[in-house]
Amino acid sequence: MNFYKRARIVCLAIPYGKAATYGQIALLCGKPKNARQVGYALNRERLGEGIPAHRVVNARGILTGAAAFETEDTQRRLMEAEGIEVHWTEDGWQADLNRFGWKNTMAEALRFREIFEEQGI
């Protein structure tokens, strides 16, 4: 359960107008091999309310979580509303992570670590 608490903190920190990857969130949680667990947690709403799940994409920027939303185009529409441009590819809707990816800093990563330690998670 501590992983989910960590993932909640990290997901809430994804900036407006930016996209993060499942792997990036897992890494920031201190569990770099748990990208699938991030996806599971988001899909099953294990992180609680208010999570900007629409900002989370796979490592190539593909909007793979679309099925977890109310309608299939909800994730895309929410991203576009924040200014994140997406385009159609043969693999599905894709955000350009070079332009719209969250480039978290080492300072942010270290701050997450401090928060986790403070909260005992």
Protein backbone atom coordinates (compact mmCIF):
# COMPACT_ATOMS: atom_id res chain seq x y z
CA MET A 1 0.00 0.00 0.00
CA ASN A 2 2.89 2.39 0.56
CA PHE A 3 3.61 2.30 -3.17
CA TYR A 4 0.13 3.63 -3.85
CA LYS A 5 0.60 6.42 -1.32
CA ARG A 6 3.85 7.37 -3.02
CA ALA A 7 2.27 7.18 -6.48
CA ARG A 8 -0.54 9.47 -5.35
CA ILE A 9 1.95 12.11 -4.19
CA VAL A 10 3.90 11.91 -7.45
CA CYS A 11 0.81 11.95 -9.69
CA LEU A 12 -0.57 15.00 -7.91
CA ALA A 13 2.70 16.77 -8.73
CA ILE A 14 2.45 16.29 -12.50
CA PRO A 15 2.26 19.85 -13.79
CA TYR A 16 -0.76 21.15 -15.66
CA GLY A 17 -0.12 20.87 -19.41
CA LYS A 18 2.47 18.12 -19.03
CA ALA A 19 2.39 14.35 -19.45
CA ALA A 20 4.27 11.80 -17.36
CA THR A 21 4.92 8.15 -18.09
CA TYR A 22 4.02 5.15 -15.96
CA GLY A 23 7.72 4.34 -15.70
CA GLN A 24 8.62 7.88 -14.69
CA ILE A 25 6.11 7.76 -11.86
CA ALA A 26 7.39 4.36 -10.72
CA LEU A 27 10.97 5.65 -10.78
CA LEU A 28 10.05 8.72 -8.74
CA CYS A 29 8.36 6.39 -6.25
CA GLY A 30 11.65 4.51 -5.87
CA LYS A 31 10.41 1.43 -7.72
CA PRO A 32 11.69 1.76 -11.30
CA LYS A 33 10.37 -1.65 -12.38
CA ASN A 34 6.80 -1.01 -11.24
CA ALA A 35 5.39 0.87 -14.24
CA ARG A 36 2.63 -1.72 -14.66
CA GLN A 37 1.66 -1.29 -11.02
CA VAL A 38 1.22 2.44 -11.66
CA GLY A 39 -1.11 1.62 -14.55
CA TYR A 40 -3.02 -0.85 -12.41
CA ALA A 41 -3.38 1.67 -9.59
CA LEU A 42 -4.69 4.35 -11.94
CA ASN A 43 -7.06 1.95 -13.71
CA ARG A 44 -8.46 0.62 -10.44
CA GLU A 45 -8.60 4.05 -8.78
CA ARG A 46 -6.24 2.90 -6.00
CA LEU A 47 -4.72 6.36 -5.67
CA GLY A 48 -7.86 8.10 -4.47
CA GLU A 49 -9.76 11.02 -5.91
CA GLY A 50 -8.40 14.05 -7.68
CA ILE A 51 -5.59 12.29 -9.51
CA PRO A 52 -4.85 13.78 -12.95
CA ALA A 53 -4.72 10.30 -14.50
CA HIS A 54 -5.29 11.77 -17.96
CA ARG A 55 -1.72 13.14 -17.83
CA VAL A 56 -0.19 9.65 -17.63
CA VAL A 57 0.87 7.89 -20.83
CA ASN A 58 3.14 5.02 -21.81
CA ALA A 59 6.86 5.40 -22.52
CA ARG A 60 6.18 6.36 -26.16
CA GLY A 61 3.51 8.92 -25.27
CA ILE A 62 0.60 6.68 -26.32
CA LEU A 63 -2.62 7.30 -24.43
CA THR A 64 -3.00 3.70 -23.26
CA GLY A 65 -5.24 4.52 -20.30
CA ALA A 66 -8.14 5.75 -22.41
CA ALA A 67 -10.28 2.68 -21.65
CA ALA A 68 -10.27 3.55 -17.94
CA PHE A 69 -12.11 6.83 -18.53
CA GLU A 70 -15.82 7.50 -18.92
CA THR A 71 -15.56 7.54 -22.70
CA GLU A 72 -12.75 6.45 -24.98
CA ASP A 73 -11.87 10.01 -25.97
CA THR A 74 -11.96 11.54 -22.46
CA GLN A 75 -8.21 11.27 -21.87
CA ARG A 76 -7.43 12.89 -25.20
CA ARG A 77 -9.94 15.70 -24.67
CA LEU A 78 -8.64 16.45 -21.16
CA MET A 79 -5.06 16.58 -22.43
CA GLU A 80 -6.00 18.86 -25.30
CA ALA A 81 -7.89 21.14 -22.89
CA GLU A 82 -4.60 21.62 -21.04
CA GLY A 83 -2.78 22.44 -24.26
CA ILE A 84 -1.12 19.06 -24.68
CA GLU A 85 -1.22 18.32 -28.38
CA VAL A 86 -1.97 14.74 -29.36
CA HIS A 87 -1.99 13.18 -32.79
CA TRP A 88 -3.25 9.93 -34.22
CA THR A 89 -0.75 7.17 -35.00
CA GLU A 90 -1.21 3.55 -36.02
CA ASP A 91 -0.74 2.70 -32.32
CA GLY A 92 -3.35 5.20 -31.10
CA TRP A 93 -3.38 8.77 -29.83
CA GLN A 94 0.07 10.03 -28.91
CA ALA A 95 1.44 13.02 -27.01
CA ASP A 96 4.84 14.39 -27.99
CA LEU A 97 6.87 13.78 -24.84
CA ASN A 98 9.72 15.93 -26.14
CA ARG A 99 7.40 18.94 -26.10
CA PHE A 100 4.85 18.05 -23.44
CA GLY A 101 6.61 15.52 -21.23
CA TRP A 102 7.22 16.35 -17.58
CA LYS A 103 10.94 16.93 -17.25
CA ASN A 104 11.15 16.50 -13.51
CA THR A 105 14.32 17.73 -11.87
CA MET A 106 16.68 15.98 -9.49
CA ALA A 107 15.55 18.47 -6.84
CA GLU A 108 11.95 17.30 -7.32
CA ALA A 109 13.01 13.65 -7.08
CA LEU A 110 14.91 14.34 -3.88
CA ARG A 111 11.95 16.26 -2.46
CA PHE A 112 9.68 13.26 -3.12
CA ARG A 113 12.15 11.10 -1.24
CA GLU A 114 12.04 13.52 1.70
CA ILE A 115 8.24 13.48 1.69
CA PHE A 116 8.17 9.68 1.64
CA GLU A 117 10.59 9.55 4.57
CA GLU A 118 8.61 12.17 6.52
CA GLN A 119 5.41 10.19 6.00
CA GLY A 120 7.06 6.85 6.69
CA ILE A 121 6.12 5.47 3.32
